[in-house]
Amino acid sequence: SSAVTAMGLVAGTKDRGINIAAVDVQTDAINALKNGGIEALAAQSG
């Protein structure tokens, strides 16, 4: 439910074939989406 939390998931599930969805746009989450680490991101604009 937040992108900060999601980044720990991205690191911990790498190469495990687990799809991750998260909330909030921040630089590392945007990059994770571009690189396939996140499947979907809700772009809530703070």
All heavy atoms as atom14 arrays in JSON, in Angstrom:
{
  "sequence": "SSAVTAMGLVAGTKDRGINIAAVDVQTDAINALKNGGIEALAAQSG",
  "atom14_mask": [
    [1, 1, 1, 1, 1, 1, 0, 0, 0, 0, 0, 0, 0, 0],
    [1, 1, 1, 1, 1, 1, 0, 0, 0, 0, 0, 0, 0, 0],
    [1, 1, 1, 1, 1, 0, 0, 0, 0, 0, 0, 0, 0, 0],
    [1, 1, 1, 1, 1, 1, 1, 0, 0, 0, 0, 0, 0, 0],
    [1, 1, 1, 1, 1, 1, 1, 0, 0, 0, 0, 0, 0, 0],
    [1, 1, 1, 1, 1, 0, 0, 0, 0, 0, 0, 0, 0, 0],
    [1, 1, 1, 1, 1, 1, 1, 1, 0, 0, 0, 0, 0, 0],
    [1, 1, 1, 1, 0, 0, 0, 0, 0, 0, 0, 0, 0, 0],
    [1, 1, 1, 1, 1, 1, 1, 1, 0, 0, 0, 0, 0, 0],
    [1, 1, 1, 1, 1, 1, 1, 0, 0, 0, 0, 0, 0, 0],
    [1, 1, 1, 1, 1, 0, 0, 0, 0, 0, 0, 0, 0, 0],
    [1, 1, 1, 1, 0, 0, 0, 0, 0, 0, 0, 0, 0, 0],
    [1, 1, 1, 1, 1, 1, 1, 0, 0, 0, 0, 0, 0, 0],
    [1, 1, 1, 1, 1, 1, 1, 1, 1, 0, 0, 0, 0, 0],
    [1, 1, 1, 1, 1, 1, 1, 1, 0, 0, 0, 0, 0, 0],
    [1, 1, 1, 1, 1, 1, 1, 1, 1, 1, 1, 0, 0, 0],
    [1, 1, 1, 1, 0, 0, 0, 0, 0, 0, 0, 0, 0, 0],
    [1, 1, 1, 1, 1, 1, 1, 1, 0, 0, 0, 0, 0, 0],
    [1, 1, 1, 1, 1, 1, 1, 1, 0, 0, 0, 0, 0, 0],
    [1, 1, 1, 1, 1, 1, 1, 1, 0, 0, 0, 0, 0, 0],
    [1, 1, 1, 1, 1, 0, 0, 0, 0, 0, 0, 0, 0, 0],
    [1, 1, 1, 1, 1, 0, 0, 0, 0, 0, 0, 0, 0, 0],
    [1, 1, 1, 1, 1, 1, 1, 0, 0, 0, 0, 0, 0, 0],
    [1, 1, 1, 1, 1, 1, 1, 1, 0, 0, 0, 0, 0, 0],
    [1, 1, 1, 1, 1, 1, 1, 0, 0, 0, 0, 0, 0, 0],
    [1, 1, 1, 1, 1, 1, 1, 1, 1, 0, 0, 0, 0, 0],
    [1, 1, 1, 1, 1, 1, 1, 0, 0, 0, 0, 0, 0, 0],
    [1, 1, 1, 1, 1, 1, 1, 1, 0, 0, 0, 0, 0, 0],
    [1, 1, 1, 1, 1, 0, 0, 0, 0, 0, 0, 0, 0, 0],
    [1, 1, 1, 1, 1, 1, 1, 1, 0, 0, 0, 0, 0, 0],
    [1, 1, 1, 1, 1, 1, 1, 1, 0, 0, 0, 0, 0, 0],
    [1, 1, 1, 1, 1, 0, 0, 0, 0, 0, 0, 0, 0, 0],
    [1, 1, 1, 1, 1, 1, 1, 1, 0, 0, 0, 0, 0, 0],
    [1, 1, 1, 1, 1, 1, 1, 1, 1, 0, 0, 0, 0, 0],
    [1, 1, 1, 1, 1, 1, 1, 1, 0, 0, 0, 0, 0, 0],
    [1, 1, 1, 1, 0, 0, 0, 0, 0, 0, 0, 0, 0, 0],
    [1, 1, 1, 1, 0, 0, 0, 0, 0, 0, 0, 0, 0, 0],
    [1, 1, 1, 1, 1, 1, 1, 1, 0, 0, 0, 0, 0, 0],
    [1, 1, 1, 1, 1, 1, 1, 1, 1, 0, 0, 0, 0, 0],
    [1, 1, 1, 1, 1, 0, 0, 0, 0, 0, 0, 0, 0, 0],
    [1, 1, 1, 1, 1, 1, 1, 1, 0, 0, 0, 0, 0, 0],
    [1, 1, 1, 1, 1, 0, 0, 0, 0, 0, 0, 0, 0, 0],
    [1, 1, 1, 1, 1, 0, 0, 0, 0, 0, 0, 0, 0, 0],
    [1, 1, 1, 1, 1, 1, 1, 1, 1, 0, 0, 0, 0, 0],
    [1, 1, 1, 1, 1, 1, 0, 0, 0, 0, 0, 0, 0, 0],
    [1, 1, 1, 1, 0, 0, 0, 0, 0, 0, 0, 0, 0, 0]
  ],
  "atom14_positions": [
    [[0.81, -1.22, 0.0], [0.0, 0.0, 0.0], [0.84, 1.26, 0.0], [0.3, 2.36, 0.01], [-0.98, 0.0, 1.18], [-0.28, 0.1, 2.4], [0.0, 0.0, 0.0], [0.0, 0.0, 0.0], [0.0, 0.0, 0.0], [0.0, 0.0, 0.0], [0.0, 0.0, 0.0], [0.0, 0.0, 0.0], [0.0, 0.0, 0.0], [0.0, 0.0, 0.0]],
    [[2.17, 1.14, -0.03], [3.04, 2.3, -0.25], [4.27, 1.85, -1.03], [4.72, 0.7, -0.91], [3.46, 2.96, 1.06], [4.5, 2.24, 1.69], [0.0, 0.0, 0.0], [0.0, 0.0, 0.0], [0.0, 0.0, 0.0], [0.0, 0.0, 0.0], [0.0, 0.0, 0.0], [0.0, 0.0, 0.0], [0.0, 0.0, 0.0], [0.0, 0.0, 0.0]],
    [[4.82, 2.75, -1.82], [5.97, 2.41, -2.66], [7.23, 2.19, -1.82], [8.1, 1.4, -2.2], [6.21, 3.5, -3.7], [0.0, 0.0, 0.0], [0.0, 0.0, 0.0], [0.0, 0.0, 0.0], [0.0, 0.0, 0.0], [0.0, 0.0, 0.0], [0.0, 0.0, 0.0], [0.0, 0.0, 0.0], [0.0, 0.0, 0.0], [0.0, 0.0, 0.0]],
    [[7.35, 2.89, -0.69], [8.51, 2.69, 0.17], [8.57, 1.23, 0.61], [9.62, 0.57, 0.55], [8.46, 3.62, 1.4], [9.59, 3.3, 2.36], [8.55, 5.07, 0.96], [0.0, 0.0, 0.0], [0.0, 0.0, 0.0], [0.0, 0.0, 0.0], [0.0, 0.0, 0.0], [0.0, 0.0, 0.0], [0.0, 0.0, 0.0], [0.0, 0.0, 0.0]],
    [[7.45, 0.71, 1.07], [7.38, -0.69, 1.48], [7.64, -1.62, 0.3], [8.31, -2.65, 0.43], [6.0, -1.0, 2.1], [5.78, -0.12, 3.2], [5.92, -2.44, 2.58], [0.0, 0.0, 0.0], [0.0, 0.0, 0.0], [0.0, 0.0, 0.0], [0.0, 0.0, 0.0], [0.0, 0.0, 0.0], [0.0, 0.0, 0.0], [0.0, 0.0, 0.0]],
    [[7.12, -1.25, -0.85], [7.27, -2.1, -2.03], [8.72, -2.33, -2.41], [9.07, -3.4, -2.92], [6.52, -1.48, -3.22], [0.0, 0.0, 0.0], [0.0, 0.0, 0.0], [0.0, 0.0, 0.0], [0.0, 0.0, 0.0], [0.0, 0.0, 0.0], [0.0, 0.0, 0.0], [0.0, 0.0, 0.0], [0.0, 0.0, 0.0], [0.0, 0.0, 0.0]],
    [[9.59, -1.35, -2.18], [10.97, -1.5, -2.61], [11.68, -2.61, -1.85], [12.57, -3.27, -2.39], [11.71, -0.18, -2.46], [11.17, 0.93, -3.38], [10.86, 0.39, -5.09], [12.52, -0.11, -5.6], [0.0, 0.0, 0.0], [0.0, 0.0, 0.0], [0.0, 0.0, 0.0], [0.0, 0.0, 0.0], [0.0, 0.0, 0.0], [0.0, 0.0, 0.0]],
    [[11.29, -2.86, -0.6], [11.82, -4.01, 0.12], [11.35, -5.31, -0.51], [12.1, -6.29, -0.58], [0.0, 0.0, 0.0], [0.0, 0.0, 0.0], [0.0, 0.0, 0.0], [0.0, 0.0, 0.0], [0.0, 0.0, 0.0], [0.0, 0.0, 0.0], [0.0, 0.0, 0.0], [0.0, 0.0, 0.0], [0.0, 0.0, 0.0], [0.0, 0.0, 0.0]],
    [[10.12, -5.32, -0.98], [9.59, -6.5, -1.66], [10.33, -6.76, -2.98], [10.62, -7.9, -3.33], [8.11, -6.33, -1.95], [7.15, -6.41, -0.78], [5.74, -6.04, -1.22], [7.16, -7.8, -0.18], [0.0, 0.0, 0.0], [0.0, 0.0, 0.0], [0.0, 0.0, 0.0], [0.0, 0.0, 0.0], [0.0, 0.0, 0.0], [0.0, 0.0, 0.0]],
    [[10.61, -5.68, -3.71], [11.31, -5.83, -4.99], [12.65, -6.51, -4.78], [13.02, -7.44, -5.52], [11.49, -4.45, -5.66], [12.42, -4.55, -6.86], [10.15, -3.88, -6.09], [0.0, 0.0, 0.0], [0.0, 0.0, 0.0], [0.0, 0.0, 0.0], [0.0, 0.0, 0.0], [0.0, 0.0, 0.0], [0.0, 0.0, 0.0], [0.0, 0.0, 0.0]],
    [[13.37, -6.08, -3.75], [14.68, -6.69, -3.47], [14.54, -8.12, -2.99], [15.29, -9.01, -3.4], [15.42, -5.85, -2.42], [0.0, 0.0, 0.0], [0.0, 0.0, 0.0], [0.0, 0.0, 0.0], [0.0, 0.0, 0.0], [0.0, 0.0, 0.0], [0.0, 0.0, 0.0], [0.0, 0.0, 0.0], [0.0, 0.0, 0.0], [0.0, 0.0, 0.0]],
    [[13.54, -8.38, -2.14], [13.41, -9.7, -1.54], [12.79, -10.75, -2.43], [12.91, -11.96, -2.16], [0.0, 0.0, 0.0], [0.0, 0.0, 0.0], [0.0, 0.0, 0.0], [0.0, 0.0, 0.0], [0.0, 0.0, 0.0], [0.0, 0.0, 0.0], [0.0, 0.0, 0.0], [0.0, 0.0, 0.0], [0.0, 0.0, 0.0], [0.0, 0.0, 0.0]],
    [[12.12, -10.33, -3.5], [11.45, -11.29, -4.39], [12.12, -11.38, -5.75], [11.57, -11.99, -6.67], [9.97, -10.92, -4.59], [9.89, -9.61, -5.19], [9.21, -10.92, -3.27], [0.0, 0.0, 0.0], [0.0, 0.0, 0.0], [0.0, 0.0, 0.0], [0.0, 0.0, 0.0], [0.0, 0.0, 0.0], [0.0, 0.0, 0.0], [0.0, 0.0, 0.0]],
    [[13.28, -10.79, -5.9], [13.97, -10.78, -7.19], [14.15, -12.2, -7.72], [14.55, -13.11, -7.0], [15.33, -10.1, -7.05], [16.04, -9.89, -8.37], [17.34, -9.12, -8.18], [18.03, -8.9, -9.52], [19.3, -8.14, -9.34], [0.0, 0.0, 0.0], [0.0, 0.0, 0.0], [0.0, 0.0, 0.0], [0.0, 0.0, 0.0], [0.0, 0.0, 0.0]],
    [[13.8, -12.38, -8.99], [13.93, -13.68, -9.69], [13.04, -14.77, -9.09], [13.29, -15.96, -9.3], [15.39, -14.15, -9.69], [16.32, -13.15, -10.37], [15.89, -12.53, -11.37], [17.45, -12.99, -9.89], [0.0, 0.0, 0.0], [0.0, 0.0, 0.0], [0.0, 0.0, 0.0], [0.0, 0.0, 0.0], [0.0, 0.0, 0.0], [0.0, 0.0, 0.0]],
    [[11.99, -14.37, -8.36], [11.07, -15.36, -7.78], [9.77, -15.44, -8.57], [8.9, -16.24, -8.21], [10.77, -15.01, -6.31], [11.99, -15.01, -5.41], [12.52, -16.4, -5.14], [11.6, -17.17, -4.35], [11.66, -17.26, -3.02], [12.58, -16.58, -2.35], [10.8, -18.0, -2.37], [0.0, 0.0, 0.0], [0.0, 0.0, 0.0], [0.0, 0.0, 0.0]],
    [[9.6, -14.62, -9.6], [8.38, -14.67, -10.41], [7.14, -14.19, -9.69], [6.03, -14.63, -10.0], [0.0, 0.0, 0.0], [0.0, 0.0, 0.0], [0.0, 0.0, 0.0], [0.0, 0.0, 0.0], [0.0, 0.0, 0.0], [0.0, 0.0, 0.0], [0.0, 0.0, 0.0], [0.0, 0.0, 0.0], [0.0, 0.0, 0.0], [0.0, 0.0, 0.0]],
    [[7.3, -13.25, -8.76], [6.17, -12.73, -8.0], [5.85, -11.33, -8.5], [6.72, -10.47, -8.58], [6.47, -12.71, -6.49], [6.62, -14.16, -5.99], [5.38, -11.99, -5.71], [7.03, -14.27, -4.55], [0.0, 0.0, 0.0], [0.0, 0.0, 0.0], [0.0, 0.0, 0.0], [0.0, 0.0, 0.0], [0.0, 0.0, 0.0], [0.0, 0.0, 0.0]],
    [[4.59, -11.11, -8.83], [4.14, -9.81, -9.32], [3.89, -8.87, -8.15], [3.26, -9.25, -7.17], [2.86, -9.97, -10.13], [3.04, -10.88, -11.32], [3.77, -10.56, -12.25], [2.38, -12.03, -11.3], [0.0, 0.0, 0.0], [0.0, 0.0, 0.0], [0.0, 0.0, 0.0], [0.0, 0.0, 0.0], [0.0, 0.0, 0.0], [0.0, 0.0, 0.0]],
    [[4.34, -7.62, -8.28], [4.19, -6.64, -7.21], [3.45, -5.42, -7.74], [3.76, -4.91, -8.82], [5.57, -6.22, -6.65], [6.25, -7.42, -6.0], [5.42, -5.08, -5.63], [7.67, -7.15, -5.57], [0.0, 0.0, 0.0], [0.0, 0.0, 0.0], [0.0, 0.0, 0.0], [0.0, 0.0, 0.0], [0.0, 0.0, 0.0], [0.0, 0.0, 0.0]],
    [[2.48, -4.97, -6.97], [1.75, -3.73, -7.27], [1.9, -2.81, -6.05], [1.96, -3.3, -4.91], [0.28, -4.0, -7.54], [0.0, 0.0, 0.0], [0.0, 0.0, 0.0], [0.0, 0.0, 0.0], [0.0, 0.0, 0.0], [0.0, 0.0, 0.0], [0.0, 0.0, 0.0], [0.0, 0.0, 0.0], [0.0, 0.0, 0.0], [0.0, 0.0, 0.0]],
    [[1.97, -1.5, -6.3], [2.22, -0.58, -5.19], [1.57, 0.78, -5.46], [1.05, 1.03, -6.54], [3.72, -0.42, -4.96], [0.0, 0.0, 0.0], [0.0, 0.0, 0.0], [0.0, 0.0, 0.0], [0.0, 0.0, 0.0], [0.0, 0.0, 0.0], [0.0, 0.0, 0.0], [0.0, 0.0, 0.0], [0.0, 0.0, 0.0], [0.0, 0.0, 0.0]],
    [[1.63, 1.64, -4.43], [1.02, 2.97, -4.48], [2.1, 4.03, -4.26], [2.99, 3.84, -3.42], [-0.07, 3.12, -3.4], [-0.78, 4.46, -3.52], [-1.06, 1.97, -3.48], [0.0, 0.0, 0.0], [0.0, 0.0, 0.0], [0.0, 0.0, 0.0], [0.0, 0.0, 0.0], [0.0, 0.0, 0.0], [0.0, 0.0, 0.0], [0.0, 0.0, 0.0]],
    [[1.99, 5.15, -4.98], [2.85, 6.33, -4.92], [3.96, 6.25, -5.96], [4.59, 5.2, -6.14], [3.49, 6.57, -3.54], [2.47, 6.85, -2.46], [1.37, 7.3, -2.81], [2.78, 6.63, -1.27], [0.0, 0.0, 0.0], [0.0, 0.0, 0.0], [0.0, 0.0, 0.0], [0.0, 0.0, 0.0], [0.0, 0.0, 0.0], [0.0, 0.0, 0.0]],
    [[4.2, 7.38, -6.6], [5.31, 7.47, -7.54], [6.51, 8.09, -6.84], [6.42, 9.15, -6.24], [4.94, 8.3, -8.79], [4.07, 7.5, -9.72], [4.24, 9.6, -8.42], [0.0, 0.0, 0.0], [0.0, 0.0, 0.0], [0.0, 0.0, 0.0], [0.0, 0.0, 0.0], [0.0, 0.0, 0.0], [0.0, 0.0, 0.0], [0.0, 0.0, 0.0]],
    [[7.61, 7.4, -6.87], [8.89, 7.92, -6.41], [9.95, 7.34, -7.34], [9.71, 6.36, -8.05], [9.14, 7.55, -4.95], [9.08, 6.05, -4.66], [9.1, 5.75, -3.17], [8.31, 6.29, -2.42], [10.02, 4.9, -2.75], [0.0, 0.0, 0.0], [0.0, 0.0, 0.0], [0.0, 0.0, 0.0], [0.0, 0.0, 0.0], [0.0, 0.0, 0.0]],
    [[11.12, 7.92, -7.33], [12.11, 7.61, -8.35], [12.45, 6.13, -8.41], [12.47, 5.52, -9.49], [13.4, 8.42, -8.1], [13.07, 9.81, -8.05], [14.42, 8.17, -9.2], [0.0, 0.0, 0.0], [0.0, 0.0, 0.0], [0.0, 0.0, 0.0], [0.0, 0.0, 0.0], [0.0, 0.0, 0.0], [0.0, 0.0, 0.0], [0.0, 0.0, 0.0]],
    [[12.72, 5.5, -7.26], [13.11, 4.09, -7.3], [11.96, 3.19, -7.73], [12.17, 2.18, -8.42], [13.67, 3.64, -5.95], [12.79, 3.97, -4.76], [11.67, 4.5, -4.96], [13.21, 3.71, -3.61], [0.0, 0.0, 0.0], [0.0, 0.0, 0.0], [0.0, 0.0, 0.0], [0.0, 0.0, 0.0], [0.0, 0.0, 0.0], [0.0, 0.0, 0.0]],
    [[10.72, 3.55, -7.37], [9.57, 2.74, -7.79], [9.33, 2.88, -9.3], [9.0, 1.89, -9.97], [8.33, 3.16, -7.02], [0.0, 0.0, 0.0], [0.0, 0.0, 0.0], [0.0, 0.0, 0.0], [0.0, 0.0, 0.0], [0.0, 0.0, 0.0], [0.0, 0.0, 0.0], [0.0, 0.0, 0.0], [0.0, 0.0, 0.0], [0.0, 0.0, 0.0]],
    [[9.5, 4.09, -9.84], [9.37, 4.29, -11.28], [10.4, 3.44, -12.02], [10.09, 2.75, -13.0], [9.56, 5.78, -11.64], [8.35, 6.6, -11.2], [9.83, 5.96, -13.13], [7.12, 6.39, -12.04], [0.0, 0.0, 0.0], [0.0, 0.0, 0.0], [0.0, 0.0, 0.0], [0.0, 0.0, 0.0], [0.0, 0.0, 0.0], [0.0, 0.0, 0.0]],
    [[11.64, 3.46, -11.53], [12.68, 2.66, -12.16], [12.41, 1.17, -12.04], [12.68, 0.4, -12.98], [14.04, 3.01, -11.57], [14.52, 4.39, -11.96], [14.17, 4.88, -13.03], [15.31, 5.03, -11.12], [0.0, 0.0, 0.0], [0.0, 0.0, 0.0], [0.0, 0.0, 0.0], [0.0, 0.0, 0.0], [0.0, 0.0, 0.0], [0.0, 0.0, 0.0]],
    [[11.86, 0.74, -10.9], [11.53, -0.67, -10.73], [10.43, -1.1, -11.7], [10.46, -2.21, -12.24], [11.1, -0.94, -9.29], [0.0, 0.0, 0.0], [0.0, 0.0, 0.0], [0.0, 0.0, 0.0], [0.0, 0.0, 0.0], [0.0, 0.0, 0.0], [0.0, 0.0, 0.0], [0.0, 0.0, 0.0], [0.0, 0.0, 0.0], [0.0, 0.0, 0.0]],
    [[9.47, -0.22, -11.95], [8.42, -0.52, -12.92], [9.01, -0.64, -14.32], [8.69, -1.56, -15.08], [7.34, 0.56, -12.88], [6.19, 0.44, -13.87], [5.46, -0.89, -13.71], [5.22, 1.6, -13.71], [0.0, 0.0, 0.0], [0.0, 0.0, 0.0], [0.0, 0.0, 0.0], [0.0, 0.0, 0.0], [0.0, 0.0, 0.0], [0.0, 0.0, 0.0]],
    [[9.89, 0.29, -14.67], [10.53, 0.25, -15.99], [11.36, -1.02, -16.18], [11.42, -1.58, -17.29], [11.43, 1.48, -16.18], [10.68, 2.79, -16.31], [11.64, 3.97, -16.28], [12.62, 3.93, -17.45], [13.52, 5.12, -17.41], [0.0, 0.0, 0.0], [0.0, 0.0, 0.0], [0.0, 0.0, 0.0], [0.0, 0.0, 0.0], [0.0, 0.0, 0.0]],
    [[11.97, -1.5, -15.09], [12.87, -2.65, -15.18], [12.19, -3.98, -14.9], [12.86, -5.02, -14.86], [14.04, -2.46, -14.22], [14.88, -1.24, -14.56], [15.01, -0.88, -15.73], [15.45, -0.6, -13.55], [0.0, 0.0, 0.0], [0.0, 0.0, 0.0], [0.0, 0.0, 0.0], [0.0, 0.0, 0.0], [0.0, 0.0, 0.0], [0.0, 0.0, 0.0]],
    [[10.87, -3.96, -14.68], [10.13, -5.2, -14.48], [10.04, -5.67, -13.05], [9.46, -6.74, -12.78], [0.0, 0.0, 0.0], [0.0, 0.0, 0.0], [0.0, 0.0, 0.0], [0.0, 0.0, 0.0], [0.0, 0.0, 0.0], [0.0, 0.0, 0.0], [0.0, 0.0, 0.0], [0.0, 0.0, 0.0], [0.0, 0.0, 0.0], [0.0, 0.0, 0.0]],
    [[10.56, -4.91, -12.1], [10.48, -5.33, -10.7], [9.12, -5.07, -10.09], [8.74, -5.71, -9.1], [0.0, 0.0, 0.0], [0.0, 0.0, 0.0], [0.0, 0.0, 0.0], [0.0, 0.0, 0.0], [0.0, 0.0, 0.0], [0.0, 0.0, 0.0], [0.0, 0.0, 0.0], [0.0, 0.0, 0.0], [0.0, 0.0, 0.0], [0.0, 0.0, 0.0]],
    [[8.36, -4.12, -10.65], [7.0, -3.83, -10.22], [6.08, -3.98, -11.41], [6.4, -3.52, -12.52], [6.89, -2.4, -9.62], [7.59, -2.35, -8.25], [5.44, -1.95, -9.49], [7.58, -0.97, -7.6], [0.0, 0.0, 0.0], [0.0, 0.0, 0.0], [0.0, 0.0, 0.0], [0.0, 0.0, 0.0], [0.0, 0.0, 0.0], [0.0, 0.0, 0.0]],
    [[4.94, -4.62, -11.2], [3.98, -4.87, -12.28], [3.08, -3.67, -12.52], [2.76, -3.33, -13.67], [3.12, -6.08, -11.93], [2.08, -6.46, -12.97], [2.69, -6.99, -14.25], [3.81, -7.55, -14.19], [2.05, -6.86, -15.32], [0.0, 0.0, 0.0], [0.0, 0.0, 0.0], [0.0, 0.0, 0.0], [0.0, 0.0, 0.0], [0.0, 0.0, 0.0]],
    [[2.63, -3.02, -11.44], [1.71, -1.89, -11.57], [1.94, -0.92, -10.42], [2.25, -1.33, -9.29], [0.25, -2.36, -11.57], [0.0, 0.0, 0.0], [0.0, 0.0, 0.0], [0.0, 0.0, 0.0], [0.0, 0.0, 0.0], [0.0, 0.0, 0.0], [0.0, 0.0, 0.0], [0.0, 0.0, 0.0], [0.0, 0.0, 0.0], [0.0, 0.0, 0.0]],
    [[1.77, 0.37, -10.72], [2.03, 1.41, -9.74], [0.92, 2.45, -9.82], [0.65, 2.99, -10.89], [3.38, 2.06, -10.03], [4.01, 3.0, -8.99], [4.28, 2.27, -7.69], [5.29, 3.6, -9.55], [0.0, 0.0, 0.0], [0.0, 0.0, 0.0], [0.0, 0.0, 0.0], [0.0, 0.0, 0.0], [0.0, 0.0, 0.0], [0.0, 0.0, 0.0]],
    [[0.27, 2.72, -8.69], [-0.75, 3.77, -8.64], [-0.06, 5.11, -8.46], [0.57, 5.36, -7.43], [-1.72, 3.51, -7.5], [0.0, 0.0, 0.0], [0.0, 0.0, 0.0], [0.0, 0.0, 0.0], [0.0, 0.0, 0.0], [0.0, 0.0, 0.0], [0.0, 0.0, 0.0], [0.0, 0.0, 0.0], [0.0, 0.0, 0.0], [0.0, 0.0, 0.0]],
    [[-0.19, 5.98, -9.48], [0.54, 7.24, -9.49], [-0.21, 8.31, -8.72], [-0.71, 9.29, -9.27], [0.79, 7.69, -10.92], [0.0, 0.0, 0.0], [0.0, 0.0, 0.0], [0.0, 0.0, 0.0], [0.0, 0.0, 0.0], [0.0, 0.0, 0.0], [0.0, 0.0, 0.0], [0.0, 0.0, 0.0], [0.0, 0.0, 0.0], [0.0, 0.0, 0.0]],
    [[-0.29, 8.12, -7.41], [-0.88, 9.13, -6.54], [0.08, 10.29, -6.41], [1.22, 10.12, -6.0], [-1.17, 8.52, -5.16], [-1.64, 9.53, -4.14], [-1.9, 8.93, -2.78], [-3.03, 8.84, -2.35], [-0.85, 8.5, -2.09], [0.0, 0.0, 0.0], [0.0, 0.0, 0.0], [0.0, 0.0, 0.0], [0.0, 0.0, 0.0], [0.0, 0.0, 0.0]],
    [[-0.35, 11.48, -6.75], [0.52, 12.65, -6.73], [0.42, 13.37, -5.4], [-0.58, 14.04, -5.11], [0.17, 13.61, -7.87], [0.89, 14.82, -7.74], [0.0, 0.0, 0.0], [0.0, 0.0, 0.0], [0.0, 0.0, 0.0], [0.0, 0.0, 0.0], [0.0, 0.0, 0.0], [0.0, 0.0, 0.0], [0.0, 0.0, 0.0], [0.0, 0.0, 0.0]],
    [[1.46, 13.27, -4.58], [1.49, 14.02, -3.33], [1.48, 15.51, -3.59], [0.84, 16.28, -2.86], [0.0, 0.0, 0.0], [0.0, 0.0, 0.0], [0.0, 0.0, 0.0], [0.0, 0.0, 0.0], [0.0, 0.0, 0.0], [0.0, 0.0, 0.0], [0.0, 0.0, 0.0], [0.0, 0.0, 0.0], [0.0, 0.0, 0.0], [0.0, 0.0, 0.0]]
  ]
}
